[in-house]
C-alpha atoms as a PDB file:
ATOM      1  CA  UNK A   1      87.130  75.877 102.210  1.00  0.00           C
ATOM      2  CA  UNK A   2      85.681  72.724 101.228  1.00  0.00           C
ATOM      3  CA  UNK A   3      82.290  73.603  99.728  1.00  0.00           C
ATOM      4  CA  UNK A   4      80.959  70.180 100.296  1.00  0.00           C
ATOM      5  CA  UNK A   5      79.480  69.831  96.652  1.00  0.00           C
ATOM      6  CA  UNK A   6      82.163  67.364  95.345  1.00  0.00           C
ATOM      7  CA  UNK A   7      80.331  65.070  93.206  1.00  0.00           C
ATOM      8  CA  UNK A   8      77.418  67.046  92.620  1.00  0.00           C
ATOM      9  CA  UNK A   9      76.133  67.610  88.939  1.00  0.00           C
ATOM     10  CA  UNK A  10      76.086  71.159  87.661  1.00  0.00           C
ATOM     11  CA  UNK A  11      74.696  72.908  84.594  1.00  0.00           C
ATOM     12  CA  UNK A  12      75.984  76.199  83.614  1.00  0.00           C
ATOM     13  CA  UNK A  13      74.444  77.980  80.814  1.00  0.00           C
ATOM     14  CA  UNK A  14      76.340  80.110  78.231  1.00  0.00           C
ATOM     15  CA  UNK A  15      79.733  78.935  79.599  1.00  0.00           C
ATOM     16  CA  UNK A  16      82.017  78.438  76.772  1.00  0.00           C
ATOM     17  CA  UNK A  17      83.683  81.979  77.947  1.00  0.00           C
ATOM     18  CA  UNK A  18      83.387  84.957  80.333  1.00  0.00           C
ATOM     19  CA  UNK A  19      81.733  84.875  83.707  1.00  0.00           C
ATOM     20  CA  UNK A  20      79.678  81.486  82.682  1.00  0.00           C
ATOM     21  CA  UNK A  21      83.086  79.912  82.042  1.00  0.00           C
ATOM     22  CA  UNK A  22      84.506  81.233  85.369  1.00  0.00           C
ATOM     23  CA  UNK A  23      81.651  79.669  87.194  1.00  0.00           C
ATOM     24  CA  UNK A  24      82.025  76.290  85.468  1.00  0.00           C
ATOM     25  CA  UNK A  25      85.669  76.388  86.479  1.00  0.00           C
ATOM     26  CA  UNK A  26      85.106  77.068  89.984  1.00  0.00           C
ATOM     27  CA  UNK A  27      82.415  74.496  90.261  1.00  0.00           C
ATOM     28  CA  UNK A  28      84.626  71.878  88.607  1.00  0.00           C
ATOM     29  CA  UNK A  29      87.630  72.837  91.012  1.00  0.00           C
ATOM     30  CA  UNK A  30      85.117  72.166  93.985  1.00  0.00           C
ATOM     31  CA  UNK A  31      84.636  68.672  92.461  1.00  0.00           C
ATOM     32  CA  UNK A  32      81.339  69.039  90.588  1.00  0.00           C
ATOM     33  CA  UNK A  33      80.578  67.400  87.234  1.00  0.00           C
ATOM     34  CA  UNK A  34      79.892  70.248  85.006  1.00  0.00           C
ATOM     35  CA  UNK A  35      77.928  70.561  81.817  1.00  0.00           C
ATOM     36  CA  UNK A  36      78.934  73.730  79.730  1.00  0.00           C
ATOM     37  CA  UNK A  37      76.996  75.086  77.029  1.00  0.00           C
ATOM     38  CA  UNK A  38      77.476  77.481  74.087  1.00  0.00           C
ATOM     39  CA  UNK A  39      76.220  77.769  70.434  1.00  0.00           C
ATOM     40  CA  UNK A  40      79.681  77.772  68.808  1.00  0.00           C
ATOM     41  CA  UNK A  41      80.932  74.287  68.888  1.00  0.00           C
ATOM     42  CA  UNK A  42      84.710  75.103  68.291  1.00  0.00           C
ATOM     43  CA  UNK A  43      84.764  77.620  71.126  1.00  0.00           C
ATOM     44  CA  UNK A  44      82.863  75.281  73.496  1.00  0.00           C
ATOM     45  CA  UNK A  45      84.852  72.202  72.961  1.00  0.00           C
ATOM     46  CA  UNK A  46      88.115  74.198  73.317  1.00  0.00           C
ATOM     47  CA  UNK A  47      86.583  75.371  76.754  1.00  0.00           C
ATOM     48  CA  UNK A  48      85.790  71.923  77.789  1.00  0.00           C
ATOM     49  CA  UNK A  49      89.037  70.578  76.984  1.00  0.00           C
ATOM     50  CA  UNK A  50      90.874  73.466  78.749  1.00  0.00           C
ATOM     51  CA  UNK A  51      88.694  73.092  81.946  1.00  0.00           C
ATOM     52  CA  UNK A  52      89.113  69.298  82.061  1.00  0.00           C
ATOM     53  CA  UNK A  53      93.035  69.810  81.954  1.00  0.00           C
ATOM     54  CA  UNK A  54      92.956  72.581  84.534  1.00  0.00           C
ATOM     55  CA  UNK A  55      90.551  70.974  87.130  1.00  0.00           C
ATOM     56  CA  UNK A  56      90.815  67.271  86.451  1.00  0.00           C
ATOM     57  CA  UNK A  57      86.978  67.161  86.481  1.00  0.00           C
ATOM     58  CA  UNK A  58      84.504  65.737  84.179  1.00  0.00           C
ATOM     59  CA  UNK A  59      83.274  68.441  81.731  1.00  0.00           C
ATOM     60  CA  UNK A  60      80.468  67.734  79.406  1.00  0.00           C
ATOM     61  CA  UNK A  61      80.022  70.024  76.370  1.00  0.00           C
ATOM     62  CA  UNK A  62      76.423  70.577  74.927  1.00  0.00           C
ATOM     63  CA  UNK A  63      76.330  72.762  71.825  1.00  0.00           C
ATOM     64  CA  UNK A  64      72.849  74.506  72.097  1.00  0.00           C
ATOM     65  CA  UNK A  65      70.771  77.656  72.047  1.00  0.00           C
ATOM     66  CA  UNK A  66      69.171  77.529  75.649  1.00  0.00           C
ATOM     67  CA  UNK A  67      66.573  79.881  74.270  1.00  0.00           C
ATOM     68  CA  UNK A  68      65.127  77.000  72.389  1.00  0.00           C
ATOM     69  CA  UNK A  69      63.108  74.127  73.415  1.00  0.00           C
ATOM     70  CA  UNK A  70      65.685  71.862  71.596  1.00  0.00           C
ATOM     71  CA  UNK A  71      68.422  73.440  73.356  1.00  0.00           C
ATOM     72  CA  UNK A  72      67.081  73.027  76.748  1.00  0.00           C
ATOM     73  CA  UNK A  73      66.113  69.342  75.875  1.00  0.00           C
ATOM     74  CA  UNK A  74      69.824  68.764  74.993  1.00  0.00           C
ATOM     75  CA  UNK A  75      71.091  70.267  78.309  1.00  0.00           C
ATOM     76  CA  UNK A  76      68.804  68.159  80.294  1.00  0.00           C
ATOM     77  CA  UNK A  77      69.519  64.975  78.303  1.00  0.00           C
ATOM     78  CA  UNK A  78      73.070  65.418  79.323  1.00  0.00           C
ATOM     79  CA  UNK A  79      72.340  65.917  82.884  1.00  0.00           C
ATOM     80  CA  UNK A  80      68.655  64.966  83.675  1.00  0.00           C
ATOM     81  CA  UNK A  81      68.665  65.874  87.282  1.00  0.00           C
ATOM     82  CA  UNK A  82      71.339  68.589  88.117  1.00  0.00           C
ATOM     83  CA  UNK A  83      72.054  69.478  91.609  1.00  0.00           C
ATOM     84  CA  UNK A  84      73.192  72.966  90.589  1.00  0.00           C
ATOM     85  CA  UNK A  85      71.837  75.110  87.710  1.00  0.00           C
ATOM     86  CA  UNK A  86      73.469  78.401  86.730  1.00  0.00           C
ATOM     87  CA  UNK A  87      71.262  80.343  84.523  1.00  0.00           C
ATOM     88  CA  UNK A  88      73.117  82.838  82.008  1.00  0.00           C
ATOM     89  CA  UNK A  89      72.401  84.270  78.757  1.00  0.00           C
ATOM     90  CA  UNK A  90      73.600  87.102  76.626  1.00  0.00           C
ATOM     91  CA  UNK A  91      71.589  90.290  76.738  1.00  0.00           C
ATOM     92  CA  UNK A  92      70.350  92.348  73.908  1.00  0.00           C
ATOM     93  CA  UNK A  93      72.822  94.902  72.498  1.00  0.00           C
ATOM     94  CA  UNK A  94      72.935  98.575  73.382  1.00  0.00           C
ATOM     95  CA  UNK A  95      69.920 100.420  71.636  1.00  0.00           C
ATOM     96  CA  UNK A  96      67.828 103.557  72.132  1.00  0.00           C
ATOM     97  CA  UNK A  97      64.454 102.268  73.597  1.00  0.00           C
ATOM     98  CA  UNK A  98      62.511 104.079  70.853  1.00  0.00           C
ATOM     99  CA  UNK A  99      64.295 101.852  68.300  1.00  0.00           C
ATOM    100  CA  UNK A 100      62.723  98.665  69.975  1.00  0.00           C
ATOM    101  CA  UNK A 101      60.177  96.831  68.030  1.00  0.00           C
ATOM    102  CA  UNK A 102      57.719  94.566  69.870  1.00  0.00           C
ATOM    103  CA  UNK A 103      59.469  91.607  68.460  1.00  0.00           C
ATOM    104  CA  UNK A 104      62.628  92.958  69.745  1.00  0.00           C
ATOM    105  CA  UNK A 105      61.237  93.327  73.237  1.00  0.00           C
ATOM    106  CA  UNK A 106      59.584  89.872  73.207  1.00  0.00           C
ATOM    107  CA  UNK A 107      62.995  88.143  72.296  1.00  0.00           C
ATOM    108  CA  UNK A 108      64.566  90.247  74.938  1.00  0.00           C
ATOM    109  CA  UNK A 109      62.287  89.167  77.611  1.00  0.00           C
ATOM    110  CA  UNK A 110      62.445  85.650  76.394  1.00  0.00           C
ATOM    111  CA  UNK A 111      66.203  85.534  76.555  1.00  0.00           C
ATOM    112  CA  UNK A 112      66.762  87.353  79.785  1.00  0.00           C
ATOM    113  CA  UNK A 113      63.604  86.261  81.851  1.00  0.00           C
ATOM    114  CA  UNK A 114      61.524  83.336  80.409  1.00  0.00           C
ATOM    115  CA  UNK A 115      64.424  81.081  79.587  1.00  0.00           C
ATOM    116  CA  UNK A 116      65.875  81.133  83.097  1.00  0.00           C
ATOM    117  CA  UNK A 117      62.259  80.375  84.430  1.00  0.00           C
ATOM    118  CA  UNK A 118      61.674  77.410  82.075  1.00  0.00           C
ATOM    119  CA  UNK A 119      65.044  75.986  83.070  1.00  0.00           C
ATOM    120  CA  UNK A 120      64.281  76.328  86.819  1.00  0.00           C
ATOM    121  CA  UNK A 121      60.874  74.744  86.063  1.00  0.00           C
ATOM    122  CA  UNK A 122      62.625  71.688  84.620  1.00  0.00           C
ATOM    123  CA  UNK A 123      65.270  71.396  87.536  1.00  0.00           C
ATOM    124  CA  UNK A 124      63.418  72.214  90.810  1.00  0.00           C
ATOM    125  CA  UNK A 125      61.467  69.137  91.350  1.00  0.00           C
ATOM    126  CA  UNK A 126      64.107  66.625  91.543  1.00  0.00           C
ATOM    127  CA  UNK A 127      66.156  69.174  93.653  1.00  0.00           C
ATOM    128  CA  UNK A 128      63.236  69.372  96.198  1.00  0.00           C
ATOM    129  CA  UNK A 129      63.014  65.630  96.310  1.00  0.00           C
ATOM    130  CA  UNK A 130      66.747  65.109  96.934  1.00  0.00           C
ATOM    131  CA  UNK A 131      66.678  67.965  99.451  1.00  0.00           C
ATOM    132  CA  UNK A 132      69.373  69.657  97.870  1.00  0.00           C
ATOM    133  CA  UNK A 133      69.358  72.381  95.026  1.00  0.00           C
ATOM    134  CA  UNK A 134      71.296  75.348  94.248  1.00  0.00           C
ATOM    135  CA  UNK A 135      70.120  77.959  91.486  1.00  0.00           C
ATOM    136  CA  UNK A 136      72.030  80.946  90.673  1.00  0.00           C
ATOM    137  CA  UNK A 137      70.929  83.419  87.966  1.00  0.00           C
ATOM    138  CA  UNK A 138      73.551  85.784  86.408  1.00  0.00           C
ATOM    139  CA  UNK A 139      71.640  88.904  85.881  1.00  0.00           C
ATOM    140  CA  UNK A 140      73.329  92.432  85.750  1.00  0.00           C
ATOM    141  CA  UNK A 141      74.354  95.305  88.174  1.00  0.00           C
ATOM    142  CA  UNK A 142      72.009  97.261  85.635  1.00  0.00           C
ATOM    143  CA  UNK A 143      68.941  95.729  87.574  1.00  0.00           C
ATOM    144  CA  UNK A 144      69.957  98.090  90.346  1.00  0.00           C
ATOM    145  CA  UNK A 145      71.693 100.893  88.423  1.00  0.00           C
ATOM    146  CA  UNK A 146      70.006 101.022  85.097  1.00  0.00           C
ATOM    147  CA  UNK A 147      72.105 101.863  82.044  1.00  0.00           C
ATOM    148  CA  UNK A 148      70.549 103.837  79.406  1.00  0.00           C
ATOM    149  CA  UNK A 149      70.427 101.924  76.246  1.00  0.00           C
ATOM    150  CA  UNK A 150      70.306  98.757  78.076  1.00  0.00           C
ATOM    151  CA  UNK A 151      66.918  99.247  79.091  1.00  0.00           C
ATOM    152  CA  UNK A 152      65.427  95.999  77.711  1.00  0.00           C
ATOM    153  CA  UNK A 153      68.134  93.894  79.406  1.00  0.00           C
ATOM    154  CA  UNK A 154      67.561  95.647  82.798  1.00  0.00           C
ATOM    155  CA  UNK A 155      63.868  95.289  82.695  1.00  0.00           C
ATOM    156  CA  UNK A 156      63.953  91.776  81.614  1.00  0.00           C
ATOM    157  CA  UNK A 157      66.403  90.699  84.221  1.00  0.00           C
ATOM    158  CA  UNK A 158      64.553  92.818  86.746  1.00  0.00           C
ATOM    159  CA  UNK A 159      61.455  90.779  86.102  1.00  0.00           C
ATOM    160  CA  UNK A 160      63.295  87.635  86.559  1.00  0.00           C
ATOM    161  CA  UNK A 161      64.691  89.074  90.031  1.00  0.00           C
ATOM    162  CA  UNK A 162      61.278  89.763  91.120  1.00  0.00           C
ATOM    163  CA  UNK A 163      59.780  86.434  89.777  1.00  0.00           C
ATOM    164  CA  UNK A 164      62.284  84.237  91.437  1.00  0.00           C
ATOM    165  CA  UNK A 165      62.102  86.144  94.686  1.00  0.00           C
ATOM    166  CA  UNK A 166      58.913  84.662  95.549  1.00  0.00           C
ATOM    167  CA  UNK A 167      59.602  81.026  94.171  1.00  0.00           C
ATOM    168  CA  UNK A 168      62.834  81.077  96.490  1.00  0.00           C
ATOM    169  CA  UNK A 169      60.714  81.360  99.624  1.00  0.00           C
ATOM    170  CA  UNK A 170      58.271  78.356  98.491  1.00  0.00           C
ATOM    171  CA  UNK A 171      61.319  75.915  98.256  1.00  0.00           C
ATOM    172  CA  UNK A 172      63.656  76.921 100.905  1.00  0.00           C
ATOM    173  CA  UNK A 173      62.360  74.390 103.479  1.00  0.00           C
ATOM    174  CA  UNK A 174      63.602  71.756 100.834  1.00  0.00           C
ATOM    175  CA  UNK A 175      67.184  72.860 100.958  1.00  0.00           C
ATOM    176  CA  UNK A 176      66.698  74.477  97.476  1.00  0.00           C
ATOM    177  CA  UNK A 177      68.113  78.112  97.133  1.00  0.00           C
ATOM    178  CA  UNK A 178      67.813  80.451  94.421  1.00  0.00           C
ATOM    179  CA  UNK A 179      69.946  83.517  94.327  1.00  0.00           C
ATOM    180  CA  UNK A 180      71.288  85.957  91.744  1.00  0.00           C
ATOM    181  CA  UNK A 181      74.571  87.568  90.998  1.00  0.00           C
ATOM    182  CA  UNK A 182      74.621  91.084  89.644  1.00  0.00           C
ATOM    183  CA  UNK A 183      77.943  91.752  87.889  1.00  0.00           C
ATOM    184  CA  UNK A 184      79.406  95.036  87.310  1.00  0.00           C
ATOM    185  CA  UNK A 185      82.305  95.708  84.833  1.00  0.00           C
ATOM    186  CA  UNK A 186      84.339  92.419  84.502  1.00  0.00           C
ATOM    187  CA  UNK A 187      87.187  91.881  82.128  1.00  0.00           C
ATOM    188  CA  UNK A 188      85.405  89.618  79.786  1.00  0.00           C
ATOM    189  CA  UNK A 189      85.361  89.635  75.904  1.00  0.00           C
ATOM    190  CA  UNK A 190      81.990  91.303  76.012  1.00  0.00           C
ATOM    191  CA  UNK A 191      83.374  94.311  78.011  1.00  0.00           C
ATOM    192  CA  UNK A 192      86.368  94.570  75.615  1.00  0.00           C
ATOM    193  CA  UNK A 193      83.945  94.634  72.605  1.00  0.00           C
ATOM    194  CA  UNK A 194      82.201  97.512  74.322  1.00  0.00           C
ATOM    195  CA  UNK A 195      85.200  99.437  75.124  1.00  0.00           C
ATOM    196  CA  UNK A 196      86.402  99.016  71.478  1.00  0.00           C
ATOM    197  CA  UNK A 197      83.118 100.352  70.081  1.00  0.00           C
ATOM    198  CA  UNK A 198      83.475 103.375  72.448  1.00  0.00           C
ATOM    199  CA  UNK A 199      86.878 104.032  71.496  1.00  0.00           C
ATOM    200  CA  UNK A 200      85.972 104.097  67.702  1.00  0.00           C
ATOM    201  CA  UNK A 201      83.297 106.378  68.629  1.00  0.00           C
ATOM    202  CA  UNK A 202      85.085 108.722  70.782  1.00  0.00           C
ATOM    203  CA  UNK A 203      88.472 108.810  68.842  1.00  0.00           C
ATOM    204  CA  UNK A 204      90.198 107.680  72.102  1.00  0.00           C
ATOM    205  CA  UNK A 205      92.322 104.716  72.359  1.00  0.00           C
ATOM    206  CA  UNK A 206      91.013 101.551  73.997  1.00  0.00           C
ATOM    207  CA  UNK A 207      93.368 102.103  76.907  1.00  0.00           C
ATOM    208  CA  UNK A 208      92.191 105.735  77.570  1.00  0.00           C
ATOM    209  CA  UNK A 209      88.443 104.415  77.430  1.00  0.00           C
ATOM    210  CA  UNK A 210      89.181 101.650  79.713  1.00  0.00           C
ATOM    211  CA  UNK A 211      90.881 104.130  82.082  1.00  0.00           C
ATOM    212  CA  UNK A 212      88.021 106.491  82.011  1.00  0.00           C
ATOM    213  CA  UNK A 213      85.668 103.611  82.956  1.00  0.00           C
ATOM    214  CA  UNK A 214      87.756 102.221  85.654  1.00  0.00           C
ATOM    215  CA  UNK A 215      87.990 105.846  87.218  1.00  0.00           C
ATOM    216  CA  UNK A 216      84.273 105.744  88.051  1.00  0.00           C
ATOM    217  CA  UNK A 217      84.726 102.441  90.070  1.00  0.00           C
ATOM    218  CA  UNK A 218      85.678 102.765  93.605  1.00  0.00           C
ATOM    219  CA  UNK A 219      87.917  99.615  93.322  1.00  0.00           C
ATOM    220  CA  UNK A 220      89.884 101.410  90.317  1.00  0.00           C
ATOM    221  CA  UNK A 221      89.784  98.389  88.387  1.00  0.00           C
ATOM    222  CA  UNK A 222      87.510  95.771  86.404  1.00  0.00           C
ATOM    223  CA  UNK A 223      86.452  92.696  88.116  1.00  0.00           C
ATOM    224  CA  UNK A 224      88.364  89.321  87.451  1.00  0.00           C
ATOM    225  CA  UNK A 225      86.073  86.472  86.011  1.00  0.00           C
ATOM    226  CA  UNK A 226      87.643  84.151  88.723  1.00  0.00           C
ATOM    227  CA  UNK A 227      86.428  86.386  91.580  1.00  0.00           C
ATOM    228  CA  UNK A 228      82.959  86.116  90.074  1.00  0.00           C
ATOM    229  CA  UNK A 229      83.297  82.443  89.668  1.00  0.00           C
ATOM    230  CA  UNK A 230      84.366  81.975  93.434  1.00  0.00           C
ATOM    231  CA  UNK A 231      81.349  83.777  94.472  1.00  0.00           C
ATOM    232  CA  UNK A 232      79.040  81.742  92.428  1.00  0.00           C
ATOM    233  CA  UNK A 233      80.711  78.538  93.696  1.00  0.00           C
ATOM    234  CA  UNK A 234      79.916  79.725  97.161  1.00  0.00           C
ATOM    235  CA  UNK A 235      76.294  80.190  96.708  1.00  0.00           C
ATOM    236  CA  UNK A 236      76.234  76.726  95.281  1.00  0.00           C
ATOM    237  CA  UNK A 237      77.951  75.314  98.304  1.00  0.00           C
ATOM    238  CA  UNK A 238      76.520  73.274 101.184  1.00  0.00           C
ATOM    239  CA  UNK A 239      77.291  76.153 103.625  1.00  0.00           C
ATOM    240  CA  UNK A 240      75.073  78.473 101.595  1.00  0.00           C
ATOM    241  CA  UNK A 241      71.673  76.762 102.433  1.00  0.00           C
ATOM    242  CA  UNK A 242      70.620  79.709 104.473  1.00  0.00           C
ATOM    243  CA  UNK A 243      71.125  82.209 101.735  1.00  0.00           C
ATOM    244  CA  UNK A 244      68.123  82.428  99.225  1.00  0.00           C
ATOM    245  CA  UNK A 245      66.157  84.944  97.359  1.00  0.00           C
ATOM    246  CA  UNK A 246      69.174  87.248  97.584  1.00  0.00           C
ATOM    247  CA  UNK A 247      70.935  89.485  94.883  1.00  0.00           C
ATOM    248  CA  UNK A 248      74.748  89.771  95.390  1.00  0.00           C
ATOM    249  CA  UNK A 249      75.975  92.764  93.625  1.00  0.00           C
ATOM    250  CA  UNK A 250      79.756  92.399  92.476  1.00  0.00           C
ATOM    251  CA  UNK A 251      80.728  95.918  90.857  1.00  0.00           C
ATOM    252  CA  UNK A 252      83.770  96.973  92.830  1.00  0.00           C
ATOM    253  CA  UNK A 253      81.587  99.591  94.741  1.00  0.00           C
ATOM    254  CA  UNK A 254      80.173 101.283  91.674  1.00  0.00           C
ATOM    255  CA  UNK A 255      76.686 101.256  92.995  1.00  0.00           C
ATOM    256  CA  UNK A 256      76.542 103.970  95.684  1.00  0.00           C
ATOM    257  CA  UNK A 257      73.868 102.458  98.046  1.00  0.00           C
ATOM    258  CA  UNK A 258      73.887 101.029 101.607  1.00  0.00           C
ATOM    259  CA  UNK A 259      71.313  98.261 100.531  1.00  0.00           C
END
């Protein structure tokens, strides 16, 4: 399918690896000029070269921490008026909620709620003026099915979900959409790190820990980042203009709900 976004400009946050990288690749394959972002210059530049070689598209690498004003300024200096914005940021580590200090909570809410809102504020007016805009927030399946120990991440991302639900309805008539994708267990570096820690703690092999995790997923496997990227690209497509304020859960059927 031609997604109708060739030539559009996109910013994809936290995209040097994992799901962000998959989204950047899918958008580049659709013909977009893509600004990718990360904090590690070596990893980011390697990703930029890889994506440019694979897709033949224009990939611009911006080394920055999007949680900071300076990082956001750098992103918009590279792409002043994006047609597409994909918000993504790492969540706080697994931790018992009783161990969270006020500062930790403020940092978690800032990283997983406030930053996305700030970036939307910067991008949305030009989108409305041009009568085209696609904003996708990468949140987490834990927004619908909270995981103990990830309470801060779940809470902050749920806050973002509620916040943009109202905003999305105010800009829909300008052909600007805001949606979220809620990933379950995807085969990324982050998941492998989690499995490795679980293996060390349990004394099991990583293979066994992974098998145990997959056994609880109806699809009996982990998601492939490319699948996630394709879903993101569709929500950014010209055909998706009637989809807004929605939360797309991609988890292999793990959440046992009808809605």
